[in-house]
Amino acid sequence: MEKRIPMCAGMGGGSSDAVTIRALNQLWLLTLSRKDMMDIGIPIGSDVPYCLLSGCAQVTGKGEVVCRILGLLSSWVVLVKPDFGIST
């Protein structure tokens, strides 16, 4: 996988936290719901709840408010990142 996401941009580059939560849920047969996993992930990183969701979403708050966005399959998106970063 090749990522082209700038660091400290708040764009979900740290998805490994979400993958770890999901993998442990399966490995240890925890049967956690997606909401349970999101609640566990919020203190770990702002991008974890989004990364536990499949598809496009708008994320607000501290990463805990995730709203799905439908119909972007044929849309173009332009992202602009300033020269400074924000640790999420």
PDB file of N, CA and C in Angstrom:
ATOM      1  N   MET A   1       0.841  -1.166   0.000  1.00  0.00           N
ATOM      2  CA  MET A   1       0.000   0.000   0.000  1.00  0.00           C
ATOM      3  C   MET A   1       0.888   1.231   0.000  1.00  0.00           C
ATOM      4  N   GLU A   2       0.573   2.175  -0.830  1.00  0.00           N
ATOM      5  CA  GLU A   2       1.320   3.424  -0.886  1.00  0.00           C
ATOM      6  C   GLU A   2       0.420   4.551  -0.420  1.00  0.00           C
ATOM      7  N   LYS A   3       0.816   5.204   0.680  1.00  0.00           N
ATOM      8  CA  LYS A   3       0.033   6.319   1.205  1.00  0.00           C
ATOM      9  C   LYS A   3       0.572   7.622   0.644  1.00  0.00           C
ATOM     10  N   ARG A   4      -0.331   8.489   0.288  1.00  0.00           N
ATOM     11  CA  ARG A   4       0.052   9.834  -0.141  1.00  0.00           C
ATOM     12  C   ARG A   4      -0.703  10.849   0.702  1.00  0.00           C
ATOM     13  N   ILE A   5      -0.666  10.620   1.994  1.00  0.00           N
ATOM     14  CA  ILE A   5      -1.354  11.478   2.950  1.00  0.00           C
ATOM     15  C   ILE A   5      -0.293  12.239   3.732  1.00  0.00           C
ATOM     16  N   PRO A   6      -0.378  13.564   3.766  1.00  0.00           N
ATOM     17  CA  PRO A   6       0.613  14.318   4.538  1.00  0.00           C
ATOM     18  C   PRO A   6       0.479  14.041   6.034  1.00  0.00           C
ATOM     19  N   MET A   7       1.609  14.006   6.733  1.00  0.00           N
ATOM     20  CA  MET A   7       1.593  13.767   8.172  1.00  0.00           C
ATOM     21  C   MET A   7       1.010  14.968   8.896  1.00  0.00           C
ATOM     22  N   CYS A   8       0.385  14.700  10.043  1.00  0.00           N
ATOM     23  CA  CYS A   8      -0.221  15.725  10.903  1.00  0.00           C
ATOM     24  C   CYS A   8      -1.254  16.561  10.164  1.00  0.00           C
ATOM     25  N   ALA A   9      -1.970  15.949   9.247  1.00  0.00           N
ATOM     26  CA  ALA A   9      -2.989  16.667   8.480  1.00  0.00           C
ATOM     27  C   ALA A   9      -4.399  16.322   8.940  1.00  0.00           C
ATOM     28  N   GLY A  10      -4.528  15.397   9.893  1.00  0.00           N
ATOM     29  CA  GLY A  10      -5.843  15.006  10.369  1.00  0.00           C
ATOM     30  C   GLY A  10      -6.655  14.262   9.328  1.00  0.00           C
ATOM     31  N   MET A  11      -5.975  13.469   8.498  1.00  0.00           N
ATOM     32  CA  MET A  11      -6.644  12.779   7.394  1.00  0.00           C
ATOM     33  C   MET A  11      -6.641  11.261   7.556  1.00  0.00           C
ATOM     34  N   GLY A  12      -6.478  10.766   8.751  1.00  0.00           N
ATOM     35  CA  GLY A  12      -6.597   9.331   8.983  1.00  0.00           C
ATOM     36  C   GLY A  12      -5.376   8.513   8.652  1.00  0.00           C
ATOM     37  N   GLY A  13      -4.210   9.104   8.664  1.00  0.00           N
ATOM     38  CA  GLY A  13      -2.998   8.360   8.349  1.00  0.00           C
ATOM     39  C   GLY A  13      -2.631   7.317   9.392  1.00  0.00           C
ATOM     40  N   GLY A  14      -3.107   7.468  10.607  1.00  0.00           N
ATOM     41  CA  GLY A  14      -2.780   6.526  11.676  1.00  0.00           C
ATOM     42  C   GLY A  14      -3.802   5.415  11.807  1.00  0.00           C
ATOM     43  N   SER A  15      -4.229   4.859  10.703  1.00  0.00           N
ATOM     44  CA  SER A  15      -5.289   3.848  10.730  1.00  0.00           C
ATOM     45  C   SER A  15      -4.844   2.532  11.351  1.00  0.00           C
ATOM     46  N   SER A  16      -3.564   2.378  11.637  1.00  0.00           N
ATOM     47  CA  SER A  16      -3.093   1.129  12.245  1.00  0.00           C
ATOM     48  C   SER A  16      -3.714   0.910  13.619  1.00  0.00           C
ATOM     49  N   ASP A  17      -4.040   1.979  14.331  1.00  0.00           N
ATOM     50  CA  ASP A  17      -4.714   1.830  15.626  1.00  0.00           C
ATOM     51  C   ASP A  17      -6.072   1.161  15.444  1.00  0.00           C
ATOM     52  N   ALA A  18      -6.816   1.607  14.444  1.00  0.00           N
ATOM     53  CA  ALA A  18      -8.135   1.033  14.171  1.00  0.00           C
ATOM     54  C   ALA A  18      -8.018  -0.423  13.743  1.00  0.00           C
ATOM     55  N   VAL A  19      -7.025  -0.712  12.917  1.00  0.00           N
ATOM     56  CA  VAL A  19      -6.820  -2.087  12.461  1.00  0.00           C
ATOM     57  C   VAL A  19      -6.492  -2.988  13.650  1.00  0.00           C
ATOM     58  N   THR A  20      -5.701  -2.497  14.582  1.00  0.00           N
ATOM     59  CA  THR A  20      -5.344  -3.284  15.763  1.00  0.00           C
ATOM     60  C   THR A  20      -6.573  -3.586  16.609  1.00  0.00           C
ATOM     61  N   ILE A  21      -7.421  -2.584  16.827  1.00  0.00           N
ATOM     62  CA  ILE A  21      -8.646  -2.802  17.606  1.00  0.00           C
ATOM     63  C   ILE A  21      -9.529  -3.833  16.916  1.00  0.00           C
ATOM     64  N   ARG A  22      -9.694  -3.682  15.617  1.00  0.00           N
ATOM     65  CA  ARG A  22     -10.537  -4.616  14.859  1.00  0.00           C
ATOM     66  C   ARG A  22      -9.943  -6.033  14.886  1.00  0.00           C
ATOM     67  N   ALA A  23      -8.621  -6.136  14.729  1.00  0.00           N
ATOM     68  CA  ALA A  23      -7.962  -7.450  14.716  1.00  0.00           C
ATOM     69  C   ALA A  23      -8.068  -8.138  16.075  1.00  0.00           C
ATOM     70  N   LEU A  24      -7.851  -7.380  17.160  1.00  0.00           N
ATOM     71  CA  LEU A  24      -7.958  -7.978  18.493  1.00  0.00           C
ATOM     72  C   LEU A  24      -9.390  -8.407  18.793  1.00  0.00           C
ATOM     73  N   ASN A  25     -10.353  -7.647  18.309  1.00  0.00           N
ATOM     74  CA  ASN A  25     -11.755  -8.017  18.475  1.00  0.00           C
ATOM     75  C   ASN A  25     -12.024  -9.385  17.844  1.00  0.00           C
ATOM     76  N   GLN A  26     -11.457  -9.606  16.667  1.00  0.00           N
ATOM     77  CA  GLN A  26     -11.642 -10.892  15.988  1.00  0.00           C
ATOM     78  C   GLN A  26     -10.796 -11.994  16.620  1.00  0.00           C
ATOM     79  N   LEU A  27      -9.531 -11.683  16.892  1.00  0.00           N
ATOM     80  CA  LEU A  27      -8.607 -12.682  17.431  1.00  0.00           C
ATOM     81  C   LEU A  27      -9.059 -13.209  18.790  1.00  0.00           C
ATOM     82  N   TRP A  28      -9.496 -12.294  19.653  1.00  0.00           N
ATOM     83  CA  TRP A  28      -9.900 -12.673  21.005  1.00  0.00           C
ATOM     84  C   TRP A  28     -11.401 -12.970  21.108  1.00  0.00           C
ATOM     85  N   LEU A  29     -12.105 -12.989  19.965  1.00  0.00           N
ATOM     86  CA  LEU A  29     -13.544 -13.294  19.929  1.00  0.00           C
ATOM     87  C   LEU A  29     -14.331 -12.426  20.913  1.00  0.00           C
ATOM     88  N   LEU A  30     -14.047 -11.122  20.904  1.00  0.00           N
ATOM     89  CA  LEU A  30     -14.681 -10.202  21.853  1.00  0.00           C
ATOM     90  C   LEU A  30     -16.107  -9.826  21.463  1.00  0.00           C
ATOM     91  N   THR A  31     -16.450  -9.958  20.214  1.00  0.00           N
ATOM     92  CA  THR A  31     -17.767  -9.582  19.667  1.00  0.00           C
ATOM     93  C   THR A  31     -18.164  -8.148  20.022  1.00  0.00           C
ATOM     94  N   LEU A  32     -17.188  -7.240  19.984  1.00  0.00           N
ATOM     95  CA  LEU A  32     -17.481  -5.823  20.215  1.00  0.00           C
ATOM     96  C   LEU A  32     -18.220  -5.257  19.011  1.00  0.00           C
ATOM     97  N   SER A  33     -19.176  -4.392  19.262  1.00  0.00           N
ATOM     98  CA  SER A  33     -19.871  -3.710  18.171  1.00  0.00           C
ATOM     99  C   SER A  33     -18.957  -2.625  17.604  1.00  0.00           C
ATOM    100  N   ARG A  34     -19.331  -2.088  16.445  1.00  0.00           N
ATOM    101  CA  ARG A  34     -18.552  -0.993  15.864  1.00  0.00           C
ATOM    102  C   ARG A  34     -18.522   0.193  16.828  1.00  0.00           C
ATOM    103  N   LYS A  35     -19.648   0.488  17.481  1.00  0.00           N
ATOM    104  CA  LYS A  35     -19.700   1.595  18.442  1.00  0.00           C
ATOM    105  C   LYS A  35     -18.768   1.331  19.616  1.00  0.00           C
ATOM    106  N   ASP A  36     -18.745   0.103  20.130  1.00  0.00           N
ATOM    107  CA  ASP A  36     -17.826  -0.240  21.223  1.00  0.00           C
ATOM    108  C   ASP A  36     -16.378  -0.011  20.803  1.00  0.00           C
ATOM    109  N   MET A  37     -16.035  -0.454  19.593  1.00  0.00           N
ATOM    110  CA  MET A  37     -14.663  -0.269  19.110  1.00  0.00           C
ATOM    111  C   MET A  37     -14.347   1.212  18.931  1.00  0.00           C
ATOM    112  N   MET A  38     -15.326   1.998  18.455  1.00  0.00           N
ATOM    113  CA  MET A  38     -15.117   3.440  18.311  1.00  0.00           C
ATOM    114  C   MET A  38     -14.887   4.088  19.673  1.00  0.00           C
ATOM    115  N   ASP A  39     -15.665   3.683  20.676  1.00  0.00           N
ATOM    116  CA  ASP A  39     -15.497   4.229  22.026  1.00  0.00           C
ATOM    117  C   ASP A  39     -14.116   3.905  22.587  1.00  0.00           C
ATOM    118  N   ILE A  40     -13.609   2.719  22.300  1.00  0.00           N
ATOM    119  CA  ILE A  40     -12.257   2.344  22.728  1.00  0.00           C
ATOM    120  C   ILE A  40     -11.223   3.178  21.980  1.00  0.00           C
ATOM    121  N   GLY A  41     -11.473   3.434  20.705  1.00  0.00           N
ATOM    122  CA  GLY A  41     -10.496   4.118  19.864  1.00  0.00           C
ATOM    123  C   GLY A  41     -10.385   5.609  20.061  1.00  0.00           C
ATOM    124  N   ILE A  42     -11.441   6.270  20.529  1.00  0.00           N
ATOM    125  CA  ILE A  42     -11.423   7.733  20.656  1.00  0.00           C
ATOM    126  C   ILE A  42     -10.248   8.235  21.499  1.00  0.00           C
ATOM    127  N   PRO A  43      -9.979   7.661  22.683  1.00  0.00           N
ATOM    128  CA  PRO A  43      -8.830   8.154  23.456  1.00  0.00           C
ATOM    129  C   PRO A  43      -7.475   7.856  22.803  1.00  0.00           C
ATOM    130  N   ILE A  44      -7.431   6.876  21.906  1.00  0.00           N
ATOM    131  CA  ILE A  44      -6.176   6.478  21.264  1.00  0.00           C
ATOM    132  C   ILE A  44      -5.788   7.453  20.160  1.00  0.00           C
ATOM    133  N   GLY A  45      -6.756   7.864  19.350  1.00  0.00           N
ATOM    134  CA  GLY A  45      -6.468   8.774  18.242  1.00  0.00           C
ATOM    135  C   GLY A  45      -7.745   9.290  17.614  1.00  0.00           C
ATOM    136  N   SER A  46      -7.720  10.533  17.197  1.00  0.00           N
ATOM    137  CA  SER A  46      -8.908  11.169  16.624  1.00  0.00           C
ATOM    138  C   SER A  46      -9.370  10.515  15.337  1.00  0.00           C
ATOM    139  N   ASP A  47      -8.484   9.837  14.644  1.00  0.00           N
ATOM    140  CA  ASP A  47      -8.851   9.230  13.365  1.00  0.00           C
ATOM    141  C   ASP A  47      -9.354   7.796  13.497  1.00  0.00           C
ATOM    142  N   VAL A  48      -9.278   7.213  14.695  1.00  0.00           N
ATOM    143  CA  VAL A  48      -9.656   5.809  14.864  1.00  0.00           C
ATOM    144  C   VAL A  48     -11.132   5.556  14.565  1.00  0.00           C
ATOM    145  N   PRO A  49     -12.079   6.350  15.099  1.00  0.00           N
ATOM    146  CA  PRO A  49     -13.486   6.074  14.775  1.00  0.00           C
ATOM    147  C   PRO A  49     -13.762   6.084  13.277  1.00  0.00           C
ATOM    148  N   TYR A  50     -13.205   7.051  12.565  1.00  0.00           N
ATOM    149  CA  TYR A  50     -13.401   7.095  11.111  1.00  0.00           C
ATOM    150  C   TYR A  50     -12.817   5.848  10.446  1.00  0.00           C
ATOM    151  N   CYS A  51     -11.652   5.445  10.879  1.00  0.00           N
ATOM    152  CA  CYS A  51     -10.987   4.304  10.247  1.00  0.00           C
ATOM    153  C   CYS A  51     -11.707   2.990  10.518  1.00  0.00           C
ATOM    154  N   LEU A  52     -12.537   2.940  11.541  1.00  0.00           N
ATOM    155  CA  LEU A  52     -13.337   1.746  11.805  1.00  0.00           C
ATOM    156  C   LEU A  52     -14.576   1.692  10.924  1.00  0.00           C
ATOM    157  N   LEU A  53     -14.877   2.792  10.263  1.00  0.00           N
ATOM    158  CA  LEU A  53     -16.027   2.879   9.373  1.00  0.00           C
ATOM    159  C   LEU A  53     -15.555   2.641   7.946  1.00  0.00           C
ATOM    160  N   SER A  54     -16.350   1.992   7.144  1.00  0.00           N
ATOM    161  CA  SER A  54     -15.998   1.790   5.739  1.00  0.00           C
ATOM    162  C   SER A  54     -16.661   2.866   4.900  1.00  0.00           C
ATOM    163  N   GLY A  55     -15.926   3.438   3.978  1.00  0.00           N
ATOM    164  CA  GLY A  55     -16.495   4.420   3.070  1.00  0.00           C
ATOM    165  C   GLY A  55     -16.089   5.840   3.398  1.00  0.00           C
ATOM    166  N   CYS A  56     -16.775   6.784   2.771  1.00  0.00           N
ATOM    167  CA  CYS A  56     -16.490   8.211   2.946  1.00  0.00           C
ATOM    168  C   CYS A  56     -17.308   8.767   4.105  1.00  0.00           C
ATOM    169  N   ALA A  57     -16.723   9.722   4.820  1.00  0.00           N
ATOM    170  CA  ALA A  57     -17.427  10.320   5.948  1.00  0.00           C
ATOM    171  C   ALA A  57     -16.879  11.708   6.226  1.00  0.00           C
ATOM    172  N   GLN A  58     -17.722  12.524   6.860  1.00  0.00           N
ATOM    173  CA  GLN A  58     -17.287  13.816   7.380  1.00  0.00           C
ATOM    174  C   GLN A  58     -17.107  13.621   8.879  1.00  0.00           C
ATOM    175  N   VAL A  59     -15.958  14.034   9.394  1.00  0.00           N
ATOM    176  CA  VAL A  59     -15.648  13.832  10.805  1.00  0.00           C
ATOM    177  C   VAL A  59     -15.515  15.195  11.469  1.00  0.00           C
ATOM    178  N   THR A  60     -16.210  15.363  12.594  1.00  0.00           N
ATOM    179  CA  THR A  60     -16.142  16.623  13.336  1.00  0.00           C
ATOM    180  C   THR A  60     -15.911  16.325  14.811  1.00  0.00           C
ATOM    181  N   GLY A  61     -15.903  17.384  15.606  1.00  0.00           N
ATOM    182  CA  GLY A  61     -15.612  17.244  17.032  1.00  0.00           C
ATOM    183  C   GLY A  61     -14.156  16.888  17.210  1.00  0.00           C
ATOM    184  N   LYS A  62     -13.899  15.957  18.085  1.00  0.00           N
ATOM    185  CA  LYS A  62     -12.533  15.466  18.299  1.00  0.00           C
ATOM    186  C   LYS A  62     -12.332  14.136  17.597  1.00  0.00           C
ATOM    187  N   GLY A  63     -13.129  13.905  16.559  1.00  0.00           N
ATOM    188  CA  GLY A  63     -13.059  12.660  15.815  1.00  0.00           C
ATOM    189  C   GLY A  63     -14.164  11.696  16.173  1.00  0.00           C
ATOM    190  N   GLU A  64     -14.975  12.061  17.162  1.00  0.00           N
ATOM    191  CA  GLU A  64     -16.007  11.151  17.643  1.00  0.00           C
ATOM    192  C   GLU A  64     -17.333  11.278  16.894  1.00  0.00           C
ATOM    193  N   VAL A  65     -17.513  12.351  16.129  1.00  0.00           N
ATOM    194  CA  VAL A  65     -18.750  12.546  15.366  1.00  0.00           C
ATOM    195  C   VAL A  65     -18.461  12.188  13.911  1.00  0.00           C
ATOM    196  N   VAL A  66     -18.957  11.047  13.474  1.00  0.00           N
ATOM    197  CA  VAL A  66     -18.673  10.528  12.136  1.00  0.00           C
ATOM    198  C   VAL A  66     -19.986  10.395  11.376  1.00  0.00           C
ATOM    199  N   CYS A  67     -20.121  11.141  10.272  1.00  0.00           N
ATOM    200  CA  CYS A  67     -21.337  11.087   9.449  1.00  0.00           C
ATOM    201  C   CYS A  67     -20.964  10.580   8.060  1.00  0.00           C
ATOM    202  N   ARG A  68     -21.597   9.492   7.649  1.00  0.00           N
ATOM    203  CA  ARG A  68     -21.327   8.922   6.323  1.00  0.00           C
ATOM    204  C   ARG A  68     -21.693   9.918   5.221  1.00  0.00           C
ATOM    205  N   ILE A  69     -20.921   9.879   4.139  1.00  0.00           N
ATOM    206  CA  ILE A  69     -21.208  10.665   2.943  1.00  0.00           C
ATOM    207  C   ILE A  69     -21.405   9.677   1.806  1.00  0.00           C
ATOM    208  N   LEU A  70     -22.560   9.725   1.200  1.00  0.00           N
ATOM    209  CA  LEU A  70     -22.877   8.815   0.103  1.00  0.00           C
ATOM    210  C   LEU A  70     -22.755   9.542  -1.232  1.00  0.00           C
ATOM    211  N   GLY A  71     -22.483   8.813  -2.282  1.00  0.00           N
ATOM    212  CA  GLY A  71     -22.501   9.372  -3.627  1.00  0.00           C
ATOM    213  C   GLY A  71     -21.240  10.080  -4.071  1.00  0.00           C
ATOM    214  N   LEU A  72     -20.100   9.776  -3.493  1.00  0.00           N
ATOM    215  CA  LEU A  72     -18.854  10.426  -3.909  1.00  0.00           C
ATOM    216  C   LEU A  72     -18.049   9.589  -4.895  1.00  0.00           C
ATOM    217  N   LEU A  73     -18.609   8.514  -5.382  1.00  0.00           N
ATOM    218  CA  LEU A  73     -17.848   7.619  -6.250  1.00  0.00           C
ATOM    219  C   LEU A  73     -17.359   8.297  -7.517  1.00  0.00           C
ATOM    220  N   SER A  74     -18.114   9.249  -8.038  1.00  0.00           N
ATOM    221  CA  SER A  74     -17.694   9.896  -9.280  1.00  0.00           C
ATOM    222  C   SER A  74     -17.348  11.364  -9.053  1.00  0.00           C
ATOM    223  N   SER A  75     -17.008  11.717  -7.833  1.00  0.00           N
ATOM    224  CA  SER A  75     -16.704  13.109  -7.507  1.00  0.00           C
ATOM    225  C   SER A  75     -15.201  13.321  -7.387  1.00  0.00           C
ATOM    226  N   TRP A  76     -14.783  14.542  -7.649  1.00  0.00           N
ATOM    227  CA  TRP A  76     -13.394  14.937  -7.452  1.00  0.00           C
ATOM    228  C   TRP A  76     -13.315  15.719  -6.151  1.00  0.00           C
ATOM    229  N   VAL A  77     -12.221  15.542  -5.425  1.00  0.00           N
ATOM    230  CA  VAL A  77     -12.010  16.260  -4.179  1.00  0.00           C
ATOM    231  C   VAL A  77     -10.620  16.873  -4.233  1.00  0.00           C
ATOM    232  N   VAL A  78     -10.522  18.135  -3.877  1.00  0.00           N
ATOM    233  CA  VAL A  78      -9.231  18.807  -3.805  1.00  0.00           C
ATOM    234  C   VAL A  78      -8.941  19.073  -2.334  1.00  0.00           C
ATOM    235  N   LEU A  79      -7.808  18.570  -1.853  1.00  0.00           N
ATOM    236  CA  LEU A  79      -7.404  18.777  -0.471  1.00  0.00           C
ATOM    237  C   LEU A  79      -6.225  19.730  -0.437  1.00  0.00           C
ATOM    238  N   VAL A  80      -6.293  20.679   0.459  1.00  0.00           N
ATOM    239  CA  VAL A  80      -5.222  21.658   0.613  1.00  0.00           C
ATOM    240  C   VAL A  80      -4.719  21.564   2.044  1.00  0.00           C
ATOM    241  N   LYS A  81      -3.406  21.428   2.207  1.00  0.00           N
ATOM    242  CA  LYS A  81      -2.814  21.346   3.533  1.00  0.00           C
ATOM    243  C   LYS A  81      -1.818  22.482   3.712  1.00  0.00           C
ATOM    244  N   PRO A  82      -1.965  23.243   4.804  1.00  0.00           N
ATOM    245  CA  PRO A  82      -0.997  24.322   5.055  1.00  0.00           C
ATOM    246  C   PRO A  82       0.376  23.759   5.417  1.00  0.00           C
ATOM    247  N   ASP A  83       1.357  24.628   5.540  1.00  0.00           N
ATOM    248  CA  ASP A  83       2.725  24.210   5.841  1.00  0.00           C
ATOM    249  C   ASP A  83       2.922  23.733   7.278  1.00  0.00           C
ATOM    250  N   PHE A  84       1.909  23.873   8.126  1.00  0.00           N
ATOM    251  CA  PHE A  84       2.037  23.425   9.505  1.00  0.00           C
ATOM    252  C   PHE A  84       1.159  22.200   9.730  1.00  0.00           C
ATOM    253  N   GLY A  85       1.466  21.437  10.769  1.00  0.00           N
ATOM    254  CA  GLY A  85       0.698  20.237  11.073  1.00  0.00           C
ATOM    255  C   GLY A  85      -0.012  20.356  12.400  1.00  0.00           C
ATOM    256  N   ILE A  86      -1.011  19.512  12.593  1.00  0.00           N
ATOM    257  CA  ILE A  86      -1.745  19.446  13.851  1.00  0.00           C
ATOM    258  C   ILE A  86      -1.741  17.988  14.284  1.00  0.00           C
ATOM    259  N   SER A  87      -1.190  17.714  15.446  1.00  0.00           N
ATOM    260  CA  SER A  87      -1.147  16.344  15.939  1.00  0.00           C
ATOM    261  C   SER A  87      -2.540  15.919  16.366  1.00  0.00           C
ATOM    262  N   THR A  88      -3.025  14.827  15.768  1.00  0.00           N
ATOM    263  CA  THR A  88      -4.350  14.327  16.130  1.00  0.00           C
ATOM    264  C   THR A  88      -4.201  13.054  16.918  1.00  0.00           C
TER     265      THR A  88
END
